[in-house]
Amino acid sequence: MTTNPNLTTDLPLTRTQAATPVAGRTVLVGWLVGLYLVVTWLTAVAAVALASTGLGTIGQEASVHAVILALVSILTLVFTVNLLRGKPRADLRLRIIAIILAIALIVTAMVLPLPIWMIIGHVVGAGLLIGALILLWPRPTTRVDLEIDAHVGTNGVLAHETAASLH
């Protein structure tokens, strides 16, 4: 029987509740997304600064790309805040945007002619998002979970224990 340590009741969790991230993992997801946000914004600021001063070999296209990624990263922050507040479907929204961004970061790091420090920033950002995805992904329902659900009554007591107490 899986119980939620954050609840004051001893009722078992349903498969849907067990599939959502627990508080400790959710906080860790918040930290990973926060680090992703910091990396993305630092990359954008550095790209814009280097492109505007002409000190680096970075083009205007790369700095625009970095700014767009930084602005989109705000979406991940909004979804993460909603997840930490316990809003429904926030984990699904965060998973969707994190998958899209991780793929986009990896593809652009491989395809676009970016400076090496931007490629490293993209790879680090994708790694942080993939780490958050791993923590967010619901655990699969196993045969044991199904058997527990079949044997646990609505009051959290195993069905055979209830029958034994009646005799």
N, C-alpha and C. Protein backbone atom coordinates (compact mmCIF):
# COMPACT_ATOMS: atom_id res chain seq x y z
N MET A 1 0.85 -1.17 0.00
CA MET A 1 0.00 0.00 0.00
C MET A 1 0.89 1.24 0.00
N THR A 2 0.62 2.13 -0.92
CA THR A 2 1.37 3.37 -1.03
C THR A 2 0.59 4.47 -0.33
N THR A 3 1.23 5.10 0.65
CA THR A 3 0.57 6.21 1.32
C THR A 3 1.35 7.48 1.06
N ASN A 4 0.67 8.57 1.09
CA ASN A 4 1.29 9.86 0.85
C ASN A 4 1.75 10.44 2.18
N PRO A 5 3.04 10.68 2.36
CA PRO A 5 3.53 11.20 3.64
C PRO A 5 3.06 12.61 3.93
N ASN A 6 2.55 13.32 2.92
CA ASN A 6 2.12 14.70 3.12
C ASN A 6 0.67 14.80 3.59
N LEU A 7 -0.04 13.71 3.58
CA LEU A 7 -1.42 13.72 3.99
C LEU A 7 -1.54 13.23 5.43
N THR A 8 -2.55 13.70 6.13
CA THR A 8 -2.74 13.28 7.51
C THR A 8 -3.56 12.00 7.61
N THR A 9 -4.12 11.55 6.53
CA THR A 9 -4.91 10.33 6.53
C THR A 9 -4.07 9.15 6.07
N ASP A 10 -4.47 7.96 6.42
CA ASP A 10 -3.73 6.77 6.03
C ASP A 10 -4.38 6.06 4.84
N LEU A 11 -5.27 6.75 4.15
CA LEU A 11 -5.91 6.13 3.00
C LEU A 11 -4.89 5.90 1.90
N PRO A 12 -5.02 4.78 1.18
CA PRO A 12 -4.05 4.52 0.11
C PRO A 12 -4.26 5.48 -1.05
N LEU A 13 -3.20 5.66 -1.81
CA LEU A 13 -3.28 6.52 -2.99
C LEU A 13 -3.86 5.73 -4.15
N THR A 14 -4.59 6.39 -4.99
CA THR A 14 -5.03 5.77 -6.23
C THR A 14 -3.84 5.74 -7.18
N ARG A 15 -4.00 5.01 -8.29
CA ARG A 15 -2.90 4.95 -9.26
C ARG A 15 -2.59 6.34 -9.81
N THR A 16 -3.60 7.17 -10.00
CA THR A 16 -3.39 8.52 -10.52
C THR A 16 -2.60 9.35 -9.52
N GLN A 17 -2.95 9.26 -8.23
CA GLN A 17 -2.23 10.01 -7.21
C GLN A 17 -0.80 9.50 -7.06
N ALA A 18 -0.62 8.18 -7.16
CA ALA A 18 0.72 7.61 -7.03
C ALA A 18 1.60 7.99 -8.21
N ALA A 19 0.98 8.29 -9.37
CA ALA A 19 1.73 8.63 -10.57
C ALA A 19 2.20 10.08 -10.56
N THR A 20 1.62 10.94 -9.71
CA THR A 20 2.06 12.33 -9.67
C THR A 20 3.29 12.44 -8.79
N PRO A 21 4.16 13.39 -9.06
CA PRO A 21 5.38 13.50 -8.28
C PRO A 21 5.09 13.88 -6.83
N VAL A 22 5.87 13.31 -5.93
CA VAL A 22 5.71 13.65 -4.53
C VAL A 22 6.43 14.95 -4.23
N ALA A 23 6.20 15.47 -3.05
CA ALA A 23 6.68 16.82 -2.71
C ALA A 23 8.18 16.97 -2.89
N GLY A 24 8.98 16.03 -2.42
CA GLY A 24 10.43 16.15 -2.52
C GLY A 24 10.91 16.19 -3.95
N ARG A 25 10.33 15.34 -4.78
CA ARG A 25 10.69 15.32 -6.20
C ARG A 25 10.22 16.60 -6.88
N THR A 26 9.06 17.11 -6.49
CA THR A 26 8.54 18.33 -7.09
C THR A 26 9.45 19.51 -6.79
N VAL A 27 9.95 19.58 -5.57
CA VAL A 27 10.87 20.66 -5.21
C VAL A 27 12.16 20.54 -6.02
N LEU A 28 12.65 19.32 -6.19
CA LEU A 28 13.86 19.12 -6.99
C LEU A 28 13.62 19.52 -8.44
N VAL A 29 12.43 19.22 -8.97
CA VAL A 29 12.07 19.67 -10.31
C VAL A 29 12.12 21.20 -10.37
N GLY A 30 11.61 21.85 -9.33
CA GLY A 30 11.65 23.31 -9.27
C GLY A 30 13.07 23.84 -9.33
N TRP A 31 13.98 23.19 -8.62
CA TRP A 31 15.39 23.61 -8.64
C TRP A 31 16.00 23.41 -10.03
N LEU A 32 15.71 22.27 -10.65
CA LEU A 32 16.28 22.00 -11.98
C LEU A 32 15.76 23.00 -13.02
N VAL A 33 14.47 23.28 -12.97
CA VAL A 33 13.90 24.26 -13.91
C VAL A 33 14.44 25.65 -13.59
N GLY A 34 14.61 25.97 -12.32
CA GLY A 34 15.20 27.26 -11.95
C GLY A 34 16.62 27.40 -12.48
N LEU A 35 17.41 26.34 -12.37
CA LEU A 35 18.78 26.38 -12.92
C LEU A 35 18.74 26.51 -14.44
N TYR A 36 17.80 25.83 -15.07
CA TYR A 36 17.64 25.97 -16.52
C TYR A 36 17.34 27.42 -16.89
N LEU A 37 16.47 28.05 -16.13
CA LEU A 37 16.11 29.44 -16.36
C LEU A 37 17.34 30.35 -16.24
N VAL A 38 18.14 30.12 -15.22
CA VAL A 38 19.34 30.92 -15.00
C VAL A 38 20.33 30.73 -16.16
N VAL A 39 20.57 29.48 -16.55
CA VAL A 39 21.50 29.20 -17.65
C VAL A 39 21.01 29.87 -18.94
N THR A 40 19.73 29.75 -19.21
CA THR A 40 19.17 30.33 -20.44
C THR A 40 19.29 31.84 -20.45
N TRP A 41 18.95 32.48 -19.34
CA TRP A 41 19.02 33.94 -19.29
C TRP A 41 20.46 34.45 -19.30
N LEU A 42 21.38 33.75 -18.64
CA LEU A 42 22.79 34.15 -18.71
C LEU A 42 23.32 34.04 -20.13
N THR A 43 22.93 32.98 -20.82
CA THR A 43 23.33 32.81 -22.22
C THR A 43 22.78 33.94 -23.08
N ALA A 44 21.51 34.29 -22.85
CA ALA A 44 20.89 35.35 -23.65
C ALA A 44 21.56 36.70 -23.40
N VAL A 45 21.81 37.01 -22.15
CA VAL A 45 22.46 38.29 -21.82
C VAL A 45 23.86 38.36 -22.42
N ALA A 46 24.61 37.26 -22.30
CA ALA A 46 25.96 37.25 -22.86
C ALA A 46 25.91 37.36 -24.39
N ALA A 47 24.96 36.67 -25.02
CA ALA A 47 24.87 36.72 -26.48
C ALA A 47 24.52 38.13 -26.97
N VAL A 48 23.55 38.76 -26.30
CA VAL A 48 23.17 40.12 -26.70
C VAL A 48 24.32 41.09 -26.46
N ALA A 49 25.01 40.95 -25.34
CA ALA A 49 26.12 41.84 -25.03
C ALA A 49 27.25 41.69 -26.05
N LEU A 50 27.57 40.44 -26.39
CA LEU A 50 28.65 40.21 -27.36
C LEU A 50 28.24 40.65 -28.77
N ALA A 51 26.99 40.43 -29.13
CA ALA A 51 26.54 40.84 -30.46
C ALA A 51 26.47 42.35 -30.60
N SER A 52 26.07 43.04 -29.53
CA SER A 52 25.94 44.50 -29.63
C SER A 52 27.29 45.21 -29.56
N THR A 53 28.25 44.64 -28.85
CA THR A 53 29.57 45.28 -28.76
C THR A 53 30.50 44.88 -29.88
N GLY A 54 30.22 43.75 -30.51
CA GLY A 54 31.08 43.29 -31.59
C GLY A 54 32.36 42.65 -31.11
N LEU A 55 32.46 42.36 -29.81
CA LEU A 55 33.68 41.75 -29.28
C LEU A 55 33.81 40.28 -29.65
N GLY A 56 32.71 39.60 -29.76
CA GLY A 56 32.74 38.18 -30.06
C GLY A 56 32.42 37.92 -31.51
N THR A 57 32.50 36.67 -31.87
CA THR A 57 32.19 36.27 -33.24
C THR A 57 30.75 35.80 -33.36
N ILE A 58 29.92 36.27 -32.47
CA ILE A 58 28.52 35.86 -32.46
C ILE A 58 27.71 36.78 -33.35
N GLY A 59 26.84 36.17 -34.14
CA GLY A 59 26.02 36.95 -35.05
C GLY A 59 24.72 37.40 -34.39
N GLN A 60 24.04 38.29 -35.08
CA GLN A 60 22.76 38.79 -34.59
C GLN A 60 21.73 37.66 -34.50
N GLU A 61 21.80 36.68 -35.43
CA GLU A 61 20.85 35.57 -35.43
C GLU A 61 20.97 34.73 -34.15
N ALA A 62 22.20 34.50 -33.73
CA ALA A 62 22.43 33.69 -32.52
C ALA A 62 21.92 34.42 -31.28
N SER A 63 22.09 35.73 -31.25
CA SER A 63 21.60 36.47 -30.08
C SER A 63 20.08 36.52 -30.06
N VAL A 64 19.45 36.63 -31.23
CA VAL A 64 17.98 36.58 -31.29
C VAL A 64 17.49 35.21 -30.85
N HIS A 65 18.16 34.17 -31.30
CA HIS A 65 17.82 32.80 -30.89
C HIS A 65 17.92 32.64 -29.38
N ALA A 66 18.96 33.17 -28.79
CA ALA A 66 19.14 33.07 -27.33
C ALA A 66 18.06 33.83 -26.58
N VAL A 67 17.67 34.99 -27.08
CA VAL A 67 16.61 35.77 -26.44
C VAL A 67 15.27 35.05 -26.54
N ILE A 68 14.97 34.46 -27.69
CA ILE A 68 13.72 33.71 -27.84
C ILE A 68 13.67 32.54 -26.87
N LEU A 69 14.78 31.82 -26.73
CA LEU A 69 14.83 30.71 -25.77
C LEU A 69 14.65 31.20 -24.34
N ALA A 70 15.23 32.34 -24.03
CA ALA A 70 15.08 32.89 -22.68
C ALA A 70 13.64 33.28 -22.41
N LEU A 71 12.98 33.86 -23.39
CA LEU A 71 11.58 34.24 -23.20
C LEU A 71 10.68 33.01 -23.07
N VAL A 72 10.95 31.97 -23.85
CA VAL A 72 10.17 30.74 -23.75
C VAL A 72 10.42 30.04 -22.41
N SER A 73 11.61 30.22 -21.85
CA SER A 73 11.91 29.59 -20.57
C SER A 73 11.03 30.14 -19.44
N ILE A 74 10.46 31.31 -19.64
CA ILE A 74 9.53 31.85 -18.65
C ILE A 74 8.31 30.95 -18.53
N LEU A 75 7.92 30.33 -19.65
CA LEU A 75 6.81 29.38 -19.62
C LEU A 75 7.10 28.23 -18.67
N THR A 76 8.33 27.72 -18.71
CA THR A 76 8.68 26.62 -17.80
C THR A 76 8.59 27.08 -16.35
N LEU A 77 8.96 28.32 -16.10
CA LEU A 77 8.85 28.85 -14.74
C LEU A 77 7.40 28.92 -14.30
N VAL A 78 6.53 29.41 -15.18
CA VAL A 78 5.10 29.51 -14.84
C VAL A 78 4.53 28.13 -14.55
N PHE A 79 4.84 27.15 -15.40
CA PHE A 79 4.32 25.80 -15.19
C PHE A 79 4.89 25.17 -13.93
N THR A 80 6.15 25.48 -13.61
CA THR A 80 6.75 24.93 -12.39
C THR A 80 6.12 25.54 -11.15
N VAL A 81 5.87 26.83 -11.16
CA VAL A 81 5.19 27.48 -10.03
C VAL A 81 3.80 26.87 -9.84
N ASN A 82 3.10 26.64 -10.95
CA ASN A 82 1.79 26.00 -10.85
C ASN A 82 1.89 24.59 -10.29
N LEU A 83 2.94 23.87 -10.67
CA LEU A 83 3.17 22.52 -10.14
C LEU A 83 3.42 22.57 -8.64
N LEU A 84 4.24 23.51 -8.20
CA LEU A 84 4.54 23.63 -6.78
C LEU A 84 3.32 24.06 -5.97
N ARG A 85 2.41 24.77 -6.61
CA ARG A 85 1.17 25.18 -5.93
C ARG A 85 0.11 24.08 -5.96
N GLY A 86 0.39 22.98 -6.67
CA GLY A 86 -0.54 21.87 -6.72
C GLY A 86 -1.67 22.04 -7.71
N LYS A 87 -1.48 22.89 -8.71
CA LYS A 87 -2.52 23.10 -9.71
C LYS A 87 -2.70 21.83 -10.55
N PRO A 88 -3.93 21.52 -10.89
CA PRO A 88 -4.16 20.31 -11.70
C PRO A 88 -3.56 20.45 -13.09
N ARG A 89 -3.03 19.36 -13.59
CA ARG A 89 -2.46 19.25 -14.94
C ARG A 89 -1.19 20.07 -15.14
N ALA A 90 -0.65 20.67 -14.08
CA ALA A 90 0.59 21.45 -14.23
C ALA A 90 1.75 20.55 -14.59
N ASP A 91 1.78 19.33 -14.04
CA ASP A 91 2.87 18.42 -14.37
C ASP A 91 2.83 18.01 -15.84
N LEU A 92 1.63 17.83 -16.39
CA LEU A 92 1.50 17.50 -17.80
C LEU A 92 1.98 18.65 -18.68
N ARG A 93 1.59 19.87 -18.34
CA ARG A 93 2.02 21.04 -19.11
C ARG A 93 3.54 21.19 -19.06
N LEU A 94 4.10 21.00 -17.87
CA LEU A 94 5.55 21.13 -17.73
C LEU A 94 6.27 20.02 -18.50
N ARG A 95 5.73 18.82 -18.47
CA ARG A 95 6.35 17.73 -19.24
C ARG A 95 6.34 18.04 -20.73
N ILE A 96 5.22 18.55 -21.23
CA ILE A 96 5.12 18.84 -22.67
C ILE A 96 6.13 19.91 -23.08
N ILE A 97 6.17 21.02 -22.35
CA ILE A 97 7.08 22.11 -22.73
C ILE A 97 8.54 21.70 -22.52
N ALA A 98 8.82 20.88 -21.50
CA ALA A 98 10.19 20.44 -21.27
C ALA A 98 10.68 19.50 -22.37
N ILE A 99 9.80 18.64 -22.85
CA ILE A 99 10.18 17.74 -23.96
C ILE A 99 10.49 18.57 -25.21
N ILE A 100 9.59 19.50 -25.52
CA ILE A 100 9.78 20.32 -26.72
C ILE A 100 11.07 21.13 -26.63
N LEU A 101 11.30 21.75 -25.47
CA LEU A 101 12.50 22.58 -25.32
C LEU A 101 13.78 21.75 -25.33
N ALA A 102 13.77 20.59 -24.69
CA ALA A 102 14.97 19.74 -24.66
C ALA A 102 15.34 19.30 -26.08
N ILE A 103 14.33 18.90 -26.85
CA ILE A 103 14.60 18.50 -28.25
C ILE A 103 15.10 19.70 -29.05
N ALA A 104 14.45 20.85 -28.88
CA ALA A 104 14.87 22.05 -29.61
C ALA A 104 16.30 22.46 -29.25
N LEU A 105 16.65 22.37 -27.98
CA LEU A 105 18.01 22.73 -27.57
C LEU A 105 19.05 21.79 -28.18
N ILE A 106 18.76 20.52 -28.17
CA ILE A 106 19.72 19.55 -28.71
C ILE A 106 19.86 19.73 -30.22
N VAL A 107 18.73 19.89 -30.91
CA VAL A 107 18.78 20.04 -32.37
C VAL A 107 19.50 21.33 -32.76
N THR A 108 19.17 22.42 -32.09
CA THR A 108 19.85 23.68 -32.45
C THR A 108 21.33 23.65 -32.11
N ALA A 109 21.70 22.94 -31.06
CA ALA A 109 23.13 22.83 -30.73
C ALA A 109 23.87 22.04 -31.80
N MET A 110 23.19 21.09 -32.43
CA MET A 110 23.83 20.28 -33.47
C MET A 110 23.79 20.94 -34.84
N VAL A 111 22.75 21.73 -35.12
CA VAL A 111 22.53 22.22 -36.48
C VAL A 111 23.06 23.64 -36.68
N LEU A 112 22.75 24.54 -35.76
CA LEU A 112 23.13 25.94 -35.96
C LEU A 112 24.62 26.17 -35.71
N PRO A 113 25.22 27.07 -36.46
CA PRO A 113 26.64 27.40 -36.22
C PRO A 113 26.77 28.38 -35.04
N LEU A 114 26.76 27.83 -33.84
CA LEU A 114 26.83 28.64 -32.62
C LEU A 114 28.23 28.56 -32.04
N PRO A 115 28.62 29.56 -31.26
CA PRO A 115 29.89 29.47 -30.54
C PRO A 115 29.85 28.32 -29.53
N ILE A 116 31.00 27.83 -29.20
CA ILE A 116 31.07 26.65 -28.32
C ILE A 116 30.43 26.91 -26.96
N TRP A 117 30.53 28.12 -26.42
CA TRP A 117 29.94 28.39 -25.12
C TRP A 117 28.41 28.36 -25.18
N MET A 118 27.83 28.72 -26.34
CA MET A 118 26.38 28.62 -26.49
C MET A 118 25.95 27.17 -26.65
N ILE A 119 26.76 26.38 -27.34
CA ILE A 119 26.46 24.95 -27.47
C ILE A 119 26.50 24.29 -26.10
N ILE A 120 27.49 24.64 -25.29
CA ILE A 120 27.57 24.10 -23.93
C ILE A 120 26.35 24.53 -23.12
N GLY A 121 25.94 25.78 -23.26
CA GLY A 121 24.74 26.25 -22.57
C GLY A 121 23.50 25.49 -23.00
N HIS A 122 23.39 25.19 -24.29
CA HIS A 122 22.25 24.42 -24.80
C HIS A 122 22.26 23.00 -24.23
N VAL A 123 23.43 22.38 -24.22
CA VAL A 123 23.53 21.01 -23.72
C VAL A 123 23.23 20.96 -22.22
N VAL A 124 23.75 21.92 -21.46
CA VAL A 124 23.46 21.97 -20.02
C VAL A 124 21.97 22.20 -19.79
N GLY A 125 21.38 23.11 -20.53
CA GLY A 125 19.94 23.37 -20.41
C GLY A 125 19.11 22.15 -20.74
N ALA A 126 19.47 21.45 -21.81
CA ALA A 126 18.75 20.23 -22.18
C ALA A 126 18.91 19.17 -21.10
N GLY A 127 20.10 19.07 -20.53
CA GLY A 127 20.32 18.10 -19.45
C GLY A 127 19.48 18.40 -18.23
N LEU A 128 19.37 19.67 -17.88
CA LEU A 128 18.53 20.05 -16.73
C LEU A 128 17.07 19.73 -16.99
N LEU A 129 16.61 20.00 -18.20
CA LEU A 129 15.22 19.70 -18.54
C LEU A 129 14.96 18.19 -18.58
N ILE A 130 15.91 17.44 -19.09
CA ILE A 130 15.75 15.98 -19.11
C ILE A 130 15.74 15.44 -17.69
N GLY A 131 16.57 15.99 -16.81
CA GLY A 131 16.53 15.59 -15.40
C GLY A 131 15.18 15.87 -14.77
N ALA A 132 14.62 17.03 -15.07
CA ALA A 132 13.28 17.36 -14.56
C ALA A 132 12.24 16.41 -15.13
N LEU A 133 12.38 16.06 -16.40
CA LEU A 133 11.44 15.13 -17.02
C LEU A 133 11.49 13.75 -16.36
N ILE A 134 12.68 13.30 -16.05
CA ILE A 134 12.81 12.00 -15.39
C ILE A 134 12.10 12.02 -14.05
N LEU A 135 12.25 13.10 -13.32
CA LEU A 135 11.57 13.20 -12.02
C LEU A 135 10.07 13.37 -12.16
N LEU A 136 9.64 14.02 -13.22
CA LEU A 136 8.21 14.28 -13.42
C LEU A 136 7.46 13.08 -13.99
N TRP A 137 8.17 12.21 -14.68
CA TRP A 137 7.47 11.14 -15.37
C TRP A 137 6.81 10.21 -14.36
N PRO A 138 5.55 9.88 -14.58
CA PRO A 138 4.86 9.00 -13.62
C PRO A 138 5.42 7.60 -13.69
N ARG A 139 5.45 6.97 -12.53
CA ARG A 139 5.95 5.61 -12.51
C ARG A 139 4.89 4.71 -13.13
N PRO A 140 5.31 3.67 -13.83
CA PRO A 140 4.33 2.81 -14.48
C PRO A 140 3.54 2.00 -13.46
N THR A 141 2.31 1.73 -13.78
CA THR A 141 1.48 0.90 -12.93
C THR A 141 1.89 -0.54 -13.16
N THR A 142 2.26 -1.22 -12.09
CA THR A 142 2.70 -2.60 -12.21
C THR A 142 1.56 -3.54 -11.83
N ARG A 143 1.79 -4.80 -12.05
CA ARG A 143 0.80 -5.81 -11.68
C ARG A 143 0.55 -5.80 -10.19
N VAL A 144 1.60 -5.54 -9.42
CA VAL A 144 1.47 -5.48 -7.96
C VAL A 144 0.55 -4.33 -7.57
N ASP A 145 0.68 -3.17 -8.24
CA ASP A 145 -0.20 -2.04 -7.95
C ASP A 145 -1.65 -2.39 -8.22
N LEU A 146 -1.88 -3.09 -9.32
CA LEU A 146 -3.25 -3.48 -9.65
C LEU A 146 -3.81 -4.45 -8.62
N GLU A 147 -2.96 -5.37 -8.14
CA GLU A 147 -3.40 -6.32 -7.12
C GLU A 147 -3.70 -5.61 -5.81
N ILE A 148 -2.90 -4.63 -5.47
CA ILE A 148 -3.14 -3.86 -4.24
C ILE A 148 -4.45 -3.10 -4.37
N ASP A 149 -4.68 -2.47 -5.52
CA ASP A 149 -5.93 -1.75 -5.73
C ASP A 149 -7.13 -2.68 -5.63
N ALA A 150 -6.97 -3.91 -6.12
CA ALA A 150 -8.09 -4.86 -6.09
C ALA A 150 -8.37 -5.35 -4.68
N HIS A 151 -7.35 -5.39 -3.82
CA HIS A 151 -7.51 -5.94 -2.48
C HIS A 151 -7.73 -4.90 -1.39
N VAL A 152 -7.53 -3.64 -1.70
CA VAL A 152 -7.66 -2.59 -0.69
C VAL A 152 -9.06 -2.02 -0.75
N GLY A 153 -9.73 -1.97 0.38
CA GLY A 153 -11.07 -1.40 0.44
C GLY A 153 -11.02 0.12 0.45
N THR A 154 -12.16 0.76 0.49
CA THR A 154 -12.22 2.21 0.45
C THR A 154 -11.68 2.85 1.72
N ASN A 155 -11.62 2.08 2.81
CA ASN A 155 -11.11 2.64 4.06
C ASN A 155 -9.62 2.37 4.26
N GLY A 156 -8.96 1.79 3.23
CA GLY A 156 -7.53 1.56 3.32
C GLY A 156 -7.16 0.25 3.97
N VAL A 157 -8.14 -0.57 4.33
CA VAL A 157 -7.87 -1.86 4.95
C VAL A 157 -7.97 -2.93 3.88
N LEU A 158 -7.05 -3.88 3.93
CA LEU A 158 -7.08 -4.96 2.96
C LEU A 158 -8.39 -5.71 3.08
N ALA A 159 -8.93 -6.15 1.94
CA ALA A 159 -10.24 -6.78 1.91
C ALA A 159 -10.27 -8.06 2.74
N HIS A 160 -9.19 -8.86 2.72
CA HIS A 160 -9.21 -10.10 3.49
C HIS A 160 -9.13 -9.83 5.00
N GLU A 161 -8.52 -8.70 5.40
CA GLU A 161 -8.50 -8.35 6.81
C GLU A 161 -9.88 -7.95 7.29
N THR A 162 -10.64 -7.28 6.43
CA THR A 162 -12.00 -6.89 6.78
C THR A 162 -12.87 -8.13 6.92
N ALA A 163 -12.70 -9.08 6.01
CA ALA A 163 -13.49 -10.31 6.08
C ALA A 163 -13.13 -11.12 7.32
N ALA A 164 -11.83 -11.14 7.68
CA ALA A 164 -11.40 -11.89 8.85
C ALA A 164 -11.93 -11.26 10.13
N SER A 165 -12.05 -9.96 10.16
CA SER A 165 -12.54 -9.29 11.37
C SER A 165 -14.03 -9.49 11.57
N LEU A 166 -14.74 -9.84 10.51
CA LEU A 166 -16.18 -10.09 10.63
C LEU A 166 -16.48 -11.48 11.19
N HIS A 167 -15.52 -12.41 11.12
CA HIS A 167 -15.76 -13.77 11.60
C HIS A 167 -15.49 -13.91 13.06
